[in-house]
C-alpha atoms as a PDB file:
ATOM      1  CA  MET A   1     -30.389-194.727 192.369  1.00  0.00           C
ATOM      2  CA  THR A   2     -27.548-196.321 193.036  1.00  0.00           C
ATOM      3  CA  LEU A   3     -26.765-200.507 194.656  1.00  0.00           C
ATOM      4  CA  HIS A   4     -25.615-198.094 197.810  1.00  0.00           C
ATOM      5  CA  GLN A   5     -27.677-195.209 197.672  1.00  0.00           C
ATOM      6  CA  GLU A   6     -30.669-197.879 197.347  1.00  0.00           C
ATOM      7  CA  PHE A   7     -28.385-199.365 200.832  1.00  0.00           C
ATOM      8  CA  ILE A   8     -28.912-196.932 202.255  1.00  0.00           C
ATOM      9  CA  LYS A   9     -32.547-196.055 202.826  1.00  0.00           C
ATOM     10  CA  VAL A  10     -33.228-199.653 202.614  1.00  0.00           C
ATOM     11  CA  ALA A  11     -30.743-199.749 205.672  1.00  0.00           C
ATOM     12  CA  LYS A  12     -32.290-196.241 207.243  1.00  0.00           C
ATOM     13  CA  LYS A  13     -36.148-197.625 206.764  1.00  0.00           C
ATOM     14  CA  LYS A  14     -35.681-201.325 208.260  1.00  0.00           C
ATOM     15  CA  GLY A  15     -32.849-200.004 211.100  1.00  0.00           C
ATOM     16  CA  ASP A  16     -33.121-203.162 213.684  1.00  0.00           C
ATOM     17  CA  LYS A  17     -34.778-205.408 211.953  1.00  0.00           C
ATOM     18  CA  LEU A  18     -32.107-208.225 210.813  1.00  0.00           C
ATOM     19  CA  ALA A  19     -30.372-207.515 207.583  1.00  0.00           C
ATOM     20  CA  ILE A  20     -27.756-210.772 207.359  1.00  0.00           C
ATOM     21  CA  ILE A  21     -27.384-214.203 209.118  1.00  0.00           C
ATOM     22  CA  ASP A  22     -23.973-215.143 208.648  1.00  0.00           C
ATOM     23  CA  ARG A  23     -23.318-218.453 208.878  1.00  0.00           C
ATOM     24  CA  THR A  24     -19.453-218.421 209.191  1.00  0.00           C
ATOM     25  CA  THR A  25     -19.695-216.298 211.962  1.00  0.00           C
ATOM     26  CA  ASN A  26     -22.900-217.411 213.808  1.00  0.00           C
ATOM     27  CA  ARG A  27     -23.604-213.486 213.187  1.00  0.00           C
ATOM     28  CA  ARG A  28     -26.786-211.651 212.402  1.00  0.00           C
ATOM     29  CA  VAL A  29     -26.034-208.008 211.319  1.00  0.00           C
ATOM     30  CA  THR A  30     -29.273-205.436 211.703  1.00  0.00           C
ATOM     31  CA  TYR A  31     -29.712-202.973 208.971  1.00  0.00           C
ATOM     32  CA  ALA A  32     -28.542-200.171 211.011  1.00  0.00           C
ATOM     33  CA  ARG A  33     -25.993-202.048 212.128  1.00  0.00           C
ATOM     34  CA  SER A  34     -24.921-203.371 208.078  1.00  0.00           C
ATOM     35  CA  LEU A  35     -25.058-199.323 207.497  1.00  0.00           C
ATOM     36  CA  VAL A  36     -22.708-198.268 210.167  1.00  0.00           C
ATOM     37  CA  ALA A  37     -19.869-200.676 209.080  1.00  0.00           C
ATOM     38  CA  SER A  38     -20.267-199.843 205.418  1.00  0.00           C
ATOM     39  CA  LEU A  39     -19.833-196.380 206.234  1.00  0.00           C
ATOM     40  CA  ILE A  40     -16.923-197.622 208.346  1.00  0.00           C
ATOM     41  CA  LEU A  41     -15.545-199.384 205.628  1.00  0.00           C
ATOM     42  CA  ALA A  42     -16.013-196.393 202.807  1.00  0.00           C
ATOM     43  CA  ASN A  43     -13.764-194.327 205.152  1.00  0.00           C
ATOM     44  CA  LYS A  44     -11.356-196.797 205.869  1.00  0.00           C
ATOM     45  CA  ILE A  45     -10.825-197.536 202.142  1.00  0.00           C
ATOM     46  CA  LYS A  46     -11.141-194.184 200.410  1.00  0.00           C
ATOM     47  CA  LYS A  47      -7.373-193.627 201.060  1.00  0.00           C
ATOM     48  CA  TYR A  48      -6.319-196.494 198.821  1.00  0.00           C
ATOM     49  CA  GLU A  49      -5.869-194.861 195.130  1.00  0.00           C
ATOM     50  CA  ASP A  50      -7.235-197.469 193.157  1.00  0.00           C
ATOM     51  CA  ASP A  51      -9.933-196.601 191.697  1.00  0.00           C
ATOM     52  CA  PHE A  52     -10.896-200.492 191.679  1.00  0.00           C
ATOM     53  CA  ILE A  53     -11.002-202.610 194.784  1.00  0.00           C
ATOM     54  CA  GLY A  54     -10.341-206.271 194.490  1.00  0.00           C
ATOM     55  CA  ILE A  55     -12.533-208.693 197.370  1.00  0.00           C
ATOM     56  CA  MET A  56     -11.078-211.620 197.892  1.00  0.00           C
ATOM     57  CA  ILE A  57     -13.002-212.671 201.179  1.00  0.00           C
ATOM     58  CA  PRO A  58     -15.661-216.409 201.185  1.00  0.00           C
ATOM     59  CA  THR A  59     -19.185-215.537 201.352  1.00  0.00           C
ATOM     60  CA  SER A  60     -20.258-213.750 204.322  1.00  0.00           C
ATOM     61  CA  ALA A  61     -21.443-210.374 205.863  1.00  0.00           C
ATOM     62  CA  GLY A  62     -17.530-209.074 205.648  1.00  0.00           C
ATOM     63  CA  ALA A  63     -18.058-210.122 201.728  1.00  0.00           C
ATOM     64  CA  MET A  64     -20.927-208.558 201.598  1.00  0.00           C
ATOM     65  CA  LEU A  65     -19.926-205.212 204.159  1.00  0.00           C
ATOM     66  CA  SER A  66     -16.544-205.112 202.468  1.00  0.00           C
ATOM     67  CA  ILE A  67     -18.582-204.500 198.649  1.00  0.00           C
ATOM     68  CA  PHE A  68     -20.895-201.805 199.803  1.00  0.00           C
ATOM     69  CA  GLY A  69     -17.768-199.708 201.610  1.00  0.00           C
ATOM     70  CA  VAL A  70     -16.227-200.113 198.147  1.00  0.00           C
ATOM     71  CA  LEU A  71     -19.291-198.792 197.144  1.00  0.00           C
ATOM     72  CA  THR A  72     -19.807-196.002 199.046  1.00  0.00           C
ATOM     73  CA  ALA A  73     -15.832-194.983 198.165  1.00  0.00           C
ATOM     74  CA  GLY A  74     -16.664-194.209 195.255  1.00  0.00           C
ATOM     75  CA  LYS A  75     -15.119-197.474 193.514  1.00  0.00           C
ATOM     76  CA  THR A  76     -15.663-201.048 191.820  1.00  0.00           C
ATOM     77  CA  PRO A  77     -15.484-203.523 193.619  1.00  0.00           C
ATOM     78  CA  VAL A  78     -13.387-206.664 191.754  1.00  0.00           C
ATOM     79  CA  MET A  79     -14.544-210.199 193.408  1.00  0.00           C
ATOM     80  CA  ILE A  80     -11.970-212.768 192.791  1.00  0.00           C
ATOM     81  CA  ASN A  81     -12.325-216.325 193.150  1.00  0.00           C
ATOM     82  CA  TYR A  82     -10.460-217.857 195.814  1.00  0.00           C
ATOM     83  CA  SER A  83     -11.600-221.410 195.463  1.00  0.00           C
ATOM     84  CA  THR A  84      -9.180-222.474 192.208  1.00  0.00           C
ATOM     85  CA  GLY A  85      -6.045-220.328 191.664  1.00  0.00           C
ATOM     86  CA  ALA A  86      -6.238-217.654 193.846  1.00  0.00           C
ATOM     87  CA  ALA A  87      -2.958-216.356 193.894  1.00  0.00           C
ATOM     88  CA  ARG A  88      -2.921-216.732 189.843  1.00  0.00           C
ATOM     89  CA  ASN A  89      -6.484-215.637 189.700  1.00  0.00           C
ATOM     90  CA  ALA A  90      -5.877-212.756 192.081  1.00  0.00           C
ATOM     91  CA  LYS A  91      -2.787-211.310 189.720  1.00  0.00           C
ATOM     92  CA  TYR A  92      -5.171-211.034 186.562  1.00  0.00           C
ATOM     93  CA  ALA A  93      -7.760-209.032 188.548  1.00  0.00           C
ATOM     94  CA  GLN A  94      -4.891-206.811 189.307  1.00  0.00           C
ATOM     95  CA  LYS A  95      -3.827-206.587 185.517  1.00  0.00           C
ATOM     96  CA  LYS A  96      -6.566-206.806 183.309  1.00  0.00           C
ATOM     97  CA  CYS A  97      -8.705-203.940 185.877  1.00  0.00           C
ATOM     98  CA  GLY A  98      -5.851-201.582 186.607  1.00  0.00           C
ATOM     99  CA  PHE A  99      -5.565-201.681 190.444  1.00  0.00           C
ATOM    100  CA  LYS A 100      -2.875-203.057 193.384  1.00  0.00           C
ATOM    101  CA  THR A 101      -5.211-203.628 196.478  1.00  0.00           C
ATOM    102  CA  ILE A 102      -7.343-206.528 197.456  1.00  0.00           C
ATOM    103  CA  ILE A 103      -9.135-207.471 200.710  1.00  0.00           C
ATOM    104  CA  THR A 104      -8.682-210.873 201.823  1.00  0.00           C
ATOM    105  CA  SER A 105      -8.233-212.641 204.418  1.00  0.00           C
ATOM    106  CA  LYS A 106      -4.631-213.473 206.579  1.00  0.00           C
ATOM    107  CA  SER A 107      -7.591-216.789 207.420  1.00  0.00           C
ATOM    108  CA  LEU A 108      -8.377-217.625 203.785  1.00  0.00           C
ATOM    109  CA  LEU A 109      -5.243-217.061 202.962  1.00  0.00           C
ATOM    110  CA  ASP A 110      -4.146-220.518 205.587  1.00  0.00           C
ATOM    111  CA  LYS A 111      -6.187-222.384 205.027  1.00  0.00           C
ATOM    112  CA  ILE A 112      -6.293-222.541 201.183  1.00  0.00           C
ATOM    113  CA  GLY A 113      -2.593-222.294 200.574  1.00  0.00           C
ATOM    114  CA  CYS A 114      -2.143-218.850 198.499  1.00  0.00           C
ATOM    115  CA  PRO A 115       0.378-216.721 199.493  1.00  0.00           C
ATOM    116  CA  TYR A 116       0.578-213.202 200.130  1.00  0.00           C
ATOM    117  CA  ILE A 117       0.460-211.191 197.137  1.00  0.00           C
ATOM    118  CA  ASP A 118       1.540-207.508 197.000  1.00  0.00           C
ATOM    119  CA  TYR A 119      -0.287-204.983 197.792  1.00  0.00           C
ATOM    120  CA  MET A 120      -2.611-207.314 199.875  1.00  0.00           C
ATOM    121  CA  VAL A 121      -5.052-205.842 202.726  1.00  0.00           C
ATOM    122  CA  PHE A 122      -6.127-208.379 205.366  1.00  0.00           C
ATOM    123  CA  ILE A 123      -9.870-207.632 206.580  1.00  0.00           C
ATOM    124  CA  GLU A 124      -8.507-208.594 209.906  1.00  0.00           C
ATOM    125  CA  ASP A 125      -5.995-205.599 210.365  1.00  0.00           C
ATOM    126  CA  VAL A 126      -8.335-202.820 209.432  1.00  0.00           C
ATOM    127  CA  MET A 127     -11.289-204.552 211.515  1.00  0.00           C
ATOM    128  CA  LYS A 128      -7.753-203.960 214.448  1.00  0.00           C
ATOM    129  CA  SER A 129      -7.344-200.666 213.667  1.00  0.00           C
ATOM    130  CA  ILE A 130     -11.159-199.134 213.768  1.00  0.00           C
ATOM    131  CA  THR A 131     -11.038-196.467 216.231  1.00  0.00           C
ATOM    132  CA  LEU A 132     -13.780-195.798 218.707  1.00  0.00           C
ATOM    133  CA  PHE A 133     -13.729-192.244 217.004  1.00  0.00           C
ATOM    134  CA  ASP A 134     -13.555-193.963 213.435  1.00  0.00           C
ATOM    135  CA  LYS A 135     -17.460-195.519 214.889  1.00  0.00           C
ATOM    136  CA  ILE A 136     -18.551-192.662 216.027  1.00  0.00           C
ATOM    137  CA  LYS A 137     -18.491-190.996 213.551  1.00  0.00           C
ATOM    138  CA  ALA A 138     -19.879-193.508 211.466  1.00  0.00           C
ATOM    139  CA  VAL A 139     -23.111-193.695 213.889  1.00  0.00           C
ATOM    140  CA  LEU A 140     -23.493-190.172 214.251  1.00  0.00           C
ATOM    141  CA  LYS A 141     -23.713-189.782 209.975  1.00  0.00           C
ATOM    142  CA  ALA A 142     -26.414-192.644 209.706  1.00  0.00           C
ATOM    143  CA  LYS A 143     -28.891-191.435 212.060  1.00  0.00           C
ATOM    144  CA  LEU A 144     -28.334-188.157 209.693  1.00  0.00           C
ATOM    145  CA  PRO A 145     -31.848-188.286 207.150  1.00  0.00           C
ATOM    146  CA  VAL A 146     -31.654-190.562 204.103  1.00  0.00           C
ATOM    147  CA  SER A 147     -31.115-188.396 201.787  1.00  0.00           C
ATOM    148  CA  ILE A 148     -28.528-186.262 203.804  1.00  0.00           C
ATOM    149  CA  LEU A 149     -26.633-189.707 204.294  1.00  0.00           C
ATOM    150  CA  GLN A 150     -27.061-190.320 200.633  1.00  0.00           C
ATOM    151  CA  ASN A 151     -25.485-186.561 199.466  1.00  0.00           C
ATOM    152  CA  LEU A 152     -22.508-187.435 201.751  1.00  0.00           C
ATOM    153  CA  VAL A 153     -21.139-190.202 200.538  1.00  0.00           C
ATOM    154  CA  HIS A 154     -20.236-191.370 196.944  1.00  0.00           C
ATOM    155  CA  LYS A 155     -23.714-191.088 194.389  1.00  0.00           C
ATOM    156  CA  GLY A 156     -22.825-192.868 191.431  1.00  0.00           C
ATOM    157  CA  SER A 157     -25.002-193.201 188.267  1.00  0.00           C
ATOM    158  CA  ASP A 158     -27.164-195.626 187.203  1.00  0.00           C
ATOM    159  CA  ASP A 159     -24.286-196.392 184.524  1.00  0.00           C
ATOM    160  CA  ASP A 160     -21.527-197.866 186.890  1.00  0.00           C
ATOM    161  CA  ASN A 161     -20.357-200.597 187.688  1.00  0.00           C
ATOM    162  CA  VAL A 162     -22.094-202.409 190.684  1.00  0.00           C
ATOM    163  CA  VAL A 163     -18.841-205.078 191.031  1.00  0.00           C
ATOM    164  CA  ILE A 164     -16.608-206.835 188.634  1.00  0.00           C
ATOM    165  CA  MET A 165     -15.603-210.919 188.806  1.00  0.00           C
ATOM    166  CA  PHE A 166     -13.533-212.314 187.890  1.00  0.00           C
ATOM    167  CA  THR A 167     -15.133-216.613 187.645  1.00  0.00           C
ATOM    168  CA  SER A 168     -11.763-219.021 186.482  1.00  0.00           C
ATOM    169  CA  GLY A 169      -9.971-216.237 185.735  1.00  0.00           C
ATOM    170  CA  ARG A 170     -12.354-214.812 183.215  1.00  0.00           C
ATOM    171  CA  GLY A 171     -13.929-211.508 184.176  1.00  0.00           C
ATOM    172  CA  ASN A 172     -17.381-210.658 183.527  1.00  0.00           C
ATOM    173  CA  ASN A 173     -18.701-206.830 184.099  1.00  0.00           C
ATOM    174  CA  VAL A 174     -22.296-206.689 185.830  1.00  0.00           C
ATOM    175  CA  HIS A 175     -24.186-203.610 185.433  1.00  0.00           C
END
C-alpha cells in the first residue's frame, strides 16, 4: 500500500486525534483536518502538468500536507534544500527531474533572500484560492468510507517513488 493510501486509512481511523504539532505556527492539526487539507491540496495540485512537483517549504504542517497533497494527486514530491543555495538547488532539481512547478512560501524566500524562480507557486496564494466549495467538496469526500475514498484518489503502486530529496544539490531517491 502506498504512503498516501495508508495515510487515508490511518486518518479515517484516528479522526479527531492529534496528528501534527507545528511549532513554527503553534498549530495543532487533527488527522481529520489533515485529510481534508491533503484532499484540497491534491485537487489544486492536479492542475499542474508535471509528474514531479518541487516543494521548498520549511519543515512544518504545510510541508507535510503538501507532500500528501502531491502524492494524492498522483505526482512525486521533490524536496528542495533551501538552507544553502536555494535558487541554485531549485533550478538544479527542475532540470534534473524535468519539472517546472515548485511550491514554496513568499515569507521563506524573503527570509533567505532567494529570488523568485520561474514556475514557483506560493503556498500563501494557494491557501487564498481555496473556496468554500473546495472545502465542502473535500469534507464530503473525507467522510466517505476508506475503501471508496482510496479508490477516488490516485492509487499508486508499491514501486512508486515516495519522495525525491535534493540535499546540497544532490538527488537521492527515497523509496
